[in-house]
């Protein structure tokens, strides 16, 4: 019998015979998983905990109080020529956003710009972090605004060029006029005396000839035809309140866009608004159904449990309503369901009123229909 000799390292060799040879085996090395396709698949199959951390980080950066710090309000130096501009600058400073004094493409204007976070978290669409989005507010004196609306009311249509727009700026400005009402009241006695001295009609381009009906006509024309919003304020303090409210709304915009881009919170992959957890296999839907029944007016947990026990899902209840032959039978389907009472109280029924409301909720197609007769 042959005896196994020593190997290279001095250890005896075993199993070199033909009968004891093992079949070849294959081992996958680390280099087999390399490649752009495998790397992309590994990136897509991210750990759920890592995805939750990324979503939480994105939500933290999108909070309005943090997004407000990345907003910059750029004020044209011409705005500072008015004495009331100090009120505006003080309000912006108290708000907590950045404020820069620098020349703008449109004189006497304010421009809002957003700065992207560094680094940008993953899982957020580029539209949410759009830093090129800009808003412009153009401040107008009453005389300048009246000259512009006199031009608009005389000639309208494609041949009329809209005043106050800058061809170099792609953003359409919002207009703000300070003290227009007081200016028109001060011009009335002067315009009345001018009309008495003139033999003919008043000049169409005269500043005093513009009245409130013409202003209202021009405002409707600007909004419907030129798509320009006009804000009429009485003082710089009122303007400052509007600018601060507009800045806070811009800070809320990325957060709302991120919430709208995500899946609905009551899907099976997450939590719904009241905190009921629904597993991917459907566990927890019964609790959600009971919660939905409990949202009806004058419905307690016992009544919701009685309906959910008889019909464990909304689909089963809809099928039962569809199987009814008459409308009266459909409305009274749940009326005789017993509701167990605790503490020795007498058992009761669901009742015809709740049965009618649940039936209308699941079968009616009118969005303005009132379910509660007492409303």
Protein backbone atom coordinates (compact mmCIF):
# COMPACT_ATOMS: atom_id res chain seq x y z
CA UNK A 1 0.00 0.00 0.00
CA UNK A 2 1.36 3.39 -0.95
CA UNK A 3 1.99 5.78 1.84
CA UNK A 4 1.49 9.51 1.47
CA UNK A 5 4.75 11.33 1.41
CA UNK A 6 5.50 14.65 3.01
CA UNK A 7 4.52 17.82 1.20
CA UNK A 8 6.56 20.88 0.59
CA UNK A 9 5.96 22.21 4.08
CA UNK A 10 6.84 18.90 5.67
CA UNK A 11 3.25 17.89 6.47
CA UNK A 12 2.14 14.53 5.14
CA UNK A 13 -0.08 14.60 2.07
CA UNK A 14 -3.43 12.85 2.32
CA UNK A 15 -6.03 11.87 -0.19
CA UNK A 16 -3.78 11.96 -3.26
CA UNK A 17 -5.25 8.77 -4.57
CA UNK A 18 -7.73 8.76 -7.44
CA UNK A 19 -10.57 7.41 -5.29
CA UNK A 20 -10.23 10.07 -2.58
CA UNK A 21 -9.97 13.10 -4.87
CA UNK A 22 -12.58 15.78 -4.03
CA UNK A 23 -14.58 17.50 -6.79
CA UNK A 24 -13.38 20.96 -7.66
CA UNK A 25 -15.06 23.78 -5.82
CA UNK A 26 -15.51 27.40 -6.88
CA UNK A 27 -14.95 30.36 -4.67
CA UNK A 28 -16.17 33.87 -5.43
CA UNK A 29 -13.48 36.43 -4.91
CA UNK A 30 -14.09 40.02 -3.92
CA UNK A 31 -13.11 41.18 -7.38
CA UNK A 32 -16.13 39.38 -8.96
CA UNK A 33 -18.51 41.89 -7.38
CA UNK A 34 -16.73 44.87 -8.82
CA UNK A 35 -18.16 46.83 -11.68
CA UNK A 36 -20.49 49.78 -12.24
CA UNK A 37 -23.64 47.66 -12.33
CA UNK A 38 -22.88 45.93 -9.03
CA UNK A 39 -21.88 49.18 -7.39
CA UNK A 40 -25.15 50.77 -8.49
CA UNK A 41 -27.13 47.82 -7.16
CA UNK A 42 -25.29 48.00 -3.84
CA UNK A 43 -26.02 51.71 -3.58
CA UNK A 44 -29.71 51.16 -4.30
CA UNK A 45 -29.94 48.39 -1.70
CA UNK A 46 -29.06 50.74 1.10
CA UNK A 47 -29.59 49.83 4.69
CA UNK A 48 -33.08 50.93 5.85
CA UNK A 49 -31.55 52.44 8.96
CA UNK A 50 -29.20 54.48 6.78
CA UNK A 51 -32.13 55.63 4.66
CA UNK A 52 -33.99 56.73 7.77
CA UNK A 53 -30.95 58.64 8.98
CA UNK A 54 -30.61 60.36 5.59
CA UNK A 55 -34.30 61.29 5.59
CA UNK A 56 -34.01 62.64 9.14
CA UNK A 57 -30.95 64.72 8.19
CA UNK A 58 -32.74 66.11 5.12
CA UNK A 59 -35.78 66.94 7.21
CA UNK A 60 -33.59 68.68 9.78
CA UNK A 61 -31.96 70.85 7.12
CA UNK A 62 -35.34 71.65 5.58
CA UNK A 63 -36.83 72.92 8.81
CA UNK A 64 -38.04 76.51 8.27
CA UNK A 65 -35.89 77.88 11.09
CA UNK A 66 -32.77 76.42 9.45
CA UNK A 67 -33.87 77.23 5.89
CA UNK A 68 -34.39 80.83 6.98
CA UNK A 69 -30.66 81.13 7.70
CA UNK A 70 -29.88 80.17 4.10
CA UNK A 71 -32.17 82.85 2.68
CA UNK A 72 -30.58 86.12 1.59
CA UNK A 73 -32.51 89.35 1.02
CA UNK A 74 -30.55 91.66 -1.28
CA UNK A 75 -31.62 95.28 -1.00
CA UNK A 76 -30.85 97.85 -3.69
CA UNK A 77 -29.04 100.93 -2.32
CA UNK A 78 -31.76 103.18 -3.78
CA UNK A 79 -34.19 101.78 -1.20
CA UNK A 80 -32.09 103.30 1.60
CA UNK A 81 -32.76 106.82 0.32
CA UNK A 82 -36.16 106.75 2.00
CA UNK A 83 -36.24 107.45 5.73
CA UNK A 84 -38.62 104.53 6.34
CA UNK A 85 -36.06 102.00 5.06
CA UNK A 86 -34.60 101.75 8.59
CA UNK A 87 -37.82 100.04 9.69
CA UNK A 88 -37.42 97.46 6.92
CA UNK A 89 -33.78 96.73 7.72
CA UNK A 90 -34.53 96.39 11.43
CA UNK A 91 -37.33 93.92 10.71
CA UNK A 92 -35.09 91.81 8.46
CA UNK A 93 -32.34 91.82 11.08
CA UNK A 94 -34.78 90.61 13.74
CA UNK A 95 -36.04 87.89 11.42
CA UNK A 96 -32.65 86.14 11.31
CA UNK A 97 -32.05 85.93 7.56
CA UNK A 98 -29.08 87.35 5.67
CA UNK A 99 -29.44 90.92 4.43
CA UNK A 100 -27.09 92.40 1.82
CA UNK A 101 -26.98 95.93 0.42
CA UNK A 102 -25.92 95.64 -3.20
CA UNK A 103 -27.04 97.04 -6.58
CA UNK A 104 -29.82 95.10 -8.29
CA UNK A 105 -30.78 94.82 -11.98
CA UNK A 106 -33.93 96.77 -11.12
CA UNK A 107 -33.38 99.88 -9.05
CA UNK A 108 -35.37 100.30 -5.84
CA UNK A 109 -36.03 96.56 -5.51
CA UNK A 110 -35.52 93.63 -3.12
CA UNK A 111 -34.39 90.19 -4.31
CA UNK A 112 -34.54 86.88 -2.44
CA UNK A 113 -32.07 84.08 -3.13
CA UNK A 114 -31.52 80.69 -1.50
CA UNK A 115 -28.21 79.05 -0.67
CA UNK A 116 -27.84 75.27 -0.89
CA UNK A 117 -26.70 73.34 2.20
CA UNK A 118 -23.18 71.97 2.09
CA UNK A 119 -23.11 69.01 1.83
CA UNK A 120 -26.53 68.29 0.34
CA UNK A 121 -28.17 65.22 1.90
CA UNK A 122 -29.09 62.28 -0.33
CA UNK A 123 -32.63 61.27 -1.10
CA UNK A 124 -33.91 64.78 -1.84
CA UNK A 125 -34.89 65.86 -5.34
CA UNK A 126 -32.80 68.66 -6.89
CA UNK A 127 -35.91 70.84 -7.22
CA UNK A 128 -36.10 71.15 -3.45
CA UNK A 129 -32.54 72.55 -3.23
CA UNK A 130 -33.02 74.82 -6.27
CA UNK A 131 -30.81 77.80 -5.53
CA UNK A 132 -31.55 79.54 -8.84
CA UNK A 133 -35.10 80.30 -7.74
CA UNK A 134 -35.38 84.02 -7.07
CA UNK A 135 -38.17 86.40 -6.11
CA UNK A 136 -38.12 90.16 -6.73
CA UNK A 137 -40.15 92.88 -5.02
CA UNK A 138 -40.09 96.25 -6.77
CA UNK A 139 -40.91 99.30 -4.64
CA UNK A 140 -42.71 102.09 -6.50
CA UNK A 141 -43.53 105.66 -5.62
CA UNK A 142 -47.21 106.62 -6.10
CA UNK A 143 -46.34 109.06 -8.92
CA UNK A 144 -44.41 106.39 -10.82
CA UNK A 145 -47.20 103.85 -10.38
CA UNK A 146 -49.86 106.30 -11.58
CA UNK A 147 -47.86 107.13 -14.70
CA UNK A 148 -47.56 103.44 -15.48
CA UNK A 149 -51.26 102.63 -15.04
CA UNK A 150 -52.21 105.66 -17.16
CA UNK A 151 -50.20 104.06 -19.97
CA UNK A 152 -51.83 100.65 -19.38
CA UNK A 153 -55.42 101.96 -19.37
CA UNK A 154 -54.90 103.91 -22.58
CA UNK A 155 -53.28 101.15 -24.65
CA UNK A 156 -53.63 97.46 -23.84
CA UNK A 157 -52.82 94.29 -25.70
CA UNK A 158 -49.65 92.92 -27.25
CA UNK A 159 -48.63 96.36 -28.54
CA UNK A 160 -48.44 97.74 -25.01
CA UNK A 161 -45.21 97.12 -23.14
CA UNK A 162 -45.67 96.40 -19.45
CA UNK A 163 -43.87 98.95 -17.29
CA UNK A 164 -41.61 98.00 -14.38
CA UNK A 165 -40.38 94.78 -16.02
CA UNK A 166 -36.69 94.22 -16.67
CA UNK A 167 -35.77 92.22 -19.81
CA UNK A 168 -32.45 91.17 -18.23
CA UNK A 169 -34.18 89.59 -15.23
CA UNK A 170 -36.07 86.31 -15.91
CA UNK A 171 -38.11 86.63 -12.71
CA UNK A 172 -41.35 88.59 -12.81
CA UNK A 173 -41.34 91.15 -10.02
CA UNK A 174 -43.98 91.71 -7.39
CA UNK A 175 -44.95 95.37 -7.08
CA UNK A 176 -45.38 97.32 -3.86
CA UNK A 177 -46.72 100.89 -3.71
CA UNK A 178 -46.41 102.84 -0.46
CA UNK A 179 -48.97 105.53 0.35
CA UNK A 180 -51.07 105.43 -2.84
CA UNK A 181 -54.35 106.09 -1.03
CA UNK A 182 -52.98 109.15 0.76
CA UNK A 183 -51.45 110.41 -2.47
CA UNK A 184 -54.75 110.16 -4.36
CA UNK A 185 -56.60 112.01 -1.59
CA UNK A 186 -54.04 114.80 -1.66
CA UNK A 187 -54.38 115.11 -5.45
CA UNK A 188 -58.19 115.45 -5.48
CA UNK A 189 -58.47 119.16 -4.58
CA UNK A 190 -55.70 120.05 -7.05
CA UNK A 191 -57.36 118.04 -9.82
CA UNK A 192 -60.77 119.62 -9.08
CA UNK A 193 -59.32 123.13 -9.32
CA UNK A 194 -57.50 122.26 -12.54
CA UNK A 195 -60.72 120.95 -14.16
CA UNK A 196 -62.54 124.17 -13.26
CA UNK A 197 -59.89 126.31 -14.93
CA UNK A 198 -59.71 124.18 -18.08
CA UNK A 199 -62.33 124.69 -20.77
CA UNK A 200 -61.90 121.28 -22.32
CA UNK A 201 -61.64 117.80 -20.80
CA UNK A 202 -58.75 116.93 -18.54
CA UNK A 203 -55.56 115.80 -20.16
CA UNK A 204 -55.49 111.98 -20.38
CA UNK A 205 -51.91 111.78 -19.13
CA UNK A 206 -52.37 114.13 -16.23
CA UNK A 207 -51.45 112.61 -12.93
CA UNK A 208 -54.43 114.12 -11.12
CA UNK A 209 -56.87 112.64 -13.66
CA UNK A 210 -56.27 109.06 -12.41
CA UNK A 211 -59.04 108.01 -10.04
CA UNK A 212 -59.66 104.92 -7.92
CA UNK A 213 -61.83 103.20 -10.58
CA UNK A 214 -58.93 103.55 -13.02
CA UNK A 215 -56.55 102.17 -10.41
CA UNK A 216 -58.79 99.16 -9.83
CA UNK A 217 -59.04 98.59 -13.57
CA UNK A 218 -55.26 98.72 -13.87
CA UNK A 219 -54.83 96.29 -10.95
CA UNK A 220 -57.12 93.75 -12.63
CA UNK A 221 -55.28 94.26 -15.91
CA UNK A 222 -51.89 93.74 -14.28
CA UNK A 223 -52.99 90.58 -12.51
CA UNK A 224 -54.88 88.92 -15.38
CA UNK A 225 -52.95 90.05 -18.44
CA UNK A 226 -49.44 90.86 -17.21
CA UNK A 227 -49.43 88.35 -14.29
CA UNK A 228 -48.06 90.97 -11.89
CA UNK A 229 -49.12 91.13 -8.24
CA UNK A 230 -49.47 94.61 -6.74
CA UNK A 231 -49.32 95.25 -3.00
CA UNK A 232 -50.76 98.54 -1.75
CA UNK A 233 -49.47 99.49 1.72
CA UNK A 234 -49.98 102.61 3.76
CA UNK A 235 -46.60 102.79 5.52
CA UNK A 236 -43.12 101.30 5.69
CA UNK A 237 -44.10 99.37 8.80
CA UNK A 238 -46.86 97.60 6.89
CA UNK A 239 -44.41 96.91 4.07
CA UNK A 240 -41.90 95.46 6.55
CA UNK A 241 -44.53 93.10 7.93
CA UNK A 242 -45.33 91.89 4.42
CA UNK A 243 -41.65 91.39 3.55
CA UNK A 244 -41.08 89.35 6.73
CA UNK A 245 -44.16 87.22 6.07
CA UNK A 246 -43.03 86.65 2.47
CA UNK A 247 -39.54 85.66 3.66
CA UNK A 248 -40.96 83.15 6.13
CA UNK A 249 -43.15 81.68 3.37
CA UNK A 250 -40.06 81.20 1.18
CA UNK A 251 -38.36 79.42 4.08
CA UNK A 252 -41.33 77.05 4.33
CA UNK A 253 -41.37 76.28 0.58
CA UNK A 254 -38.55 73.62 0.47
CA UNK A 255 -40.05 71.79 3.45
CA UNK A 256 -43.48 71.63 1.81
CA UNK A 257 -42.01 70.53 -1.52
CA UNK A 258 -40.10 67.75 0.23
CA UNK A 259 -43.24 66.57 2.03
CA UNK A 260 -45.21 66.57 -1.23
CA UNK A 261 -42.49 64.61 -3.04
CA UNK A 262 -42.51 61.79 -0.49
CA UNK A 263 -44.96 58.88 -0.40
CA UNK A 264 -48.10 59.25 1.64
CA UNK A 265 -47.48 58.78 5.35
CA UNK A 266 -50.36 56.30 5.74
CA UNK A 267 -48.93 53.74 3.27
CA UNK A 268 -47.95 50.31 4.50
CA UNK A 269 -44.25 51.21 4.41
CA UNK A 270 -44.44 53.81 7.15
CA UNK A 271 -46.53 55.37 9.90
CA UNK A 272 -49.72 57.31 9.54
CA UNK A 273 -50.54 60.63 11.12
CA UNK A 274 -51.95 59.22 14.38
CA UNK A 275 -49.02 56.87 14.95
CA UNK A 276 -50.55 53.49 14.05
CA UNK A 277 -47.85 51.30 12.56
CA UNK A 278 -48.76 49.20 9.52
CA UNK A 279 -46.41 46.38 8.56
CA UNK A 280 -45.77 45.44 4.91
CA UNK A 281 -47.79 42.24 5.39
CA UNK A 282 -50.88 44.26 6.39
CA UNK A 283 -50.62 43.86 10.15
CA UNK A 284 -52.13 46.94 11.76
CA UNK A 285 -54.70 47.79 9.08
CA UNK A 286 -57.48 46.71 11.47
CA UNK A 287 -56.36 49.38 13.94
CA UNK A 288 -56.27 52.00 11.18
CA UNK A 289 -59.82 51.03 10.18
CA UNK A 290 -60.99 51.41 13.79
CA UNK A 291 -59.28 54.80 14.01
CA UNK A 292 -61.01 55.94 10.83
CA UNK A 293 -64.40 54.89 12.18
CA UNK A 294 -63.63 56.76 15.39
CA UNK A 295 -63.24 59.99 13.42
CA UNK A 296 -66.98 60.14 12.79
CA UNK A 297 -68.86 62.53 15.03
CA UNK A 298 -70.31 60.95 18.20
CA UNK A 299 -68.59 57.58 17.66
CA UNK A 300 -66.74 56.02 20.58
CA UNK A 301 -64.27 53.13 20.70
CA UNK A 302 -67.01 50.56 21.46
CA UNK A 303 -69.07 51.51 18.40
CA UNK A 304 -65.99 51.56 16.14
CA UNK A 305 -64.99 48.12 17.44
CA UNK A 306 -68.47 46.75 16.75
CA UNK A 307 -68.42 47.91 13.12
CA UNK A 308 -64.83 46.74 12.60
CA UNK A 309 -65.66 43.32 14.09
CA UNK A 310 -68.58 42.82 11.68
CA UNK A 311 -66.70 44.19 8.66
CA UNK A 312 -62.92 43.96 9.21
CA UNK A 313 -62.04 46.21 6.24
CA UNK A 314 -63.64 49.07 4.26
CA UNK A 315 -63.65 46.90 1.13
CA UNK A 316 -65.83 44.24 2.81
CA UNK A 317 -68.24 46.93 3.97
CA UNK A 318 -68.41 48.43 0.48
CA UNK A 319 -69.17 45.01 -0.96
CA UNK A 320 -71.97 44.58 1.59
CA UNK A 321 -73.43 47.95 0.60
CA UNK A 322 -73.26 46.98 -3.08
CA UNK A 323 -75.11 43.72 -2.34
CA UNK A 324 -78.10 45.56 -0.90
CA UNK A 325 -81.11 45.68 -3.21
CA UNK A 326 -82.62 49.02 -2.17
CA UNK A 327 -81.29 52.35 -0.94
CA UNK A 328 -83.24 52.02 2.28
CA UNK A 329 -81.68 48.64 3.00
CA UNK A 330 -78.23 50.06 2.26
CA UNK A 331 -78.65 53.01 4.63
CA UNK A 332 -79.88 50.77 7.46
CA UNK A 333 -77.32 47.98 7.01
CA UNK A 334 -75.38 48.77 10.20
CA UNK A 335 -78.28 50.03 12.30
CA UNK A 336 -78.95 46.76 14.16
CA UNK A 337 -75.32 45.85 14.89
CA UNK A 338 -75.01 45.23 18.67
CA UNK A 339 -72.55 47.33 20.62
CA UNK A 340 -71.28 45.56 23.76
CA UNK A 341 -71.56 47.67 26.88
CA UNK A 342 -69.15 47.46 29.82
CA UNK A 343 -69.87 47.91 33.49
CA UNK A 344 -73.29 46.20 33.55
CA UNK A 345 -74.91 48.73 31.21
CA UNK A 346 -77.57 47.70 28.77
CA UNK A 347 -76.33 46.70 25.30
CA UNK A 348 -77.19 49.06 22.51
CA UNK A 349 -77.13 49.23 18.73
CA UNK A 350 -75.12 51.23 16.23
CA UNK A 351 -78.27 53.08 15.25
CA UNK A 352 -79.70 54.38 11.98
CA UNK A 353 -77.93 57.75 12.05
CA UNK A 354 -74.40 56.36 12.15
CA UNK A 355 -75.36 53.63 9.68
CA UNK A 356 -76.53 56.31 7.24
CA UNK A 357 -73.38 58.42 7.71
CA UNK A 358 -70.99 55.49 7.16
CA UNK A 359 -72.96 54.40 4.10
CA UNK A 360 -72.83 57.88 2.56
CA UNK A 361 -69.14 58.18 3.39
CA UNK A 362 -68.28 54.98 1.49
CA UNK A 363 -70.77 55.25 -1.40
CA UNK A 364 -71.55 58.92 -2.10
CA UNK A 365 -69.80 60.73 -4.97
CA UNK A 366 -70.70 64.32 -4.01
CA UNK A 367 -67.65 65.94 -2.34
CA UNK A 368 -69.82 68.70 -0.79
CA UNK A 369 -72.31 66.31 0.81
CA UNK A 370 -72.77 66.82 4.56
CA UNK A 371 -72.78 63.53 6.43
CA UNK A 372 -74.10 64.95 9.69
CA UNK A 373 -77.72 66.11 9.62
CA UNK A 374 -77.00 68.51 12.48
CA UNK A 375 -74.41 70.45 10.44
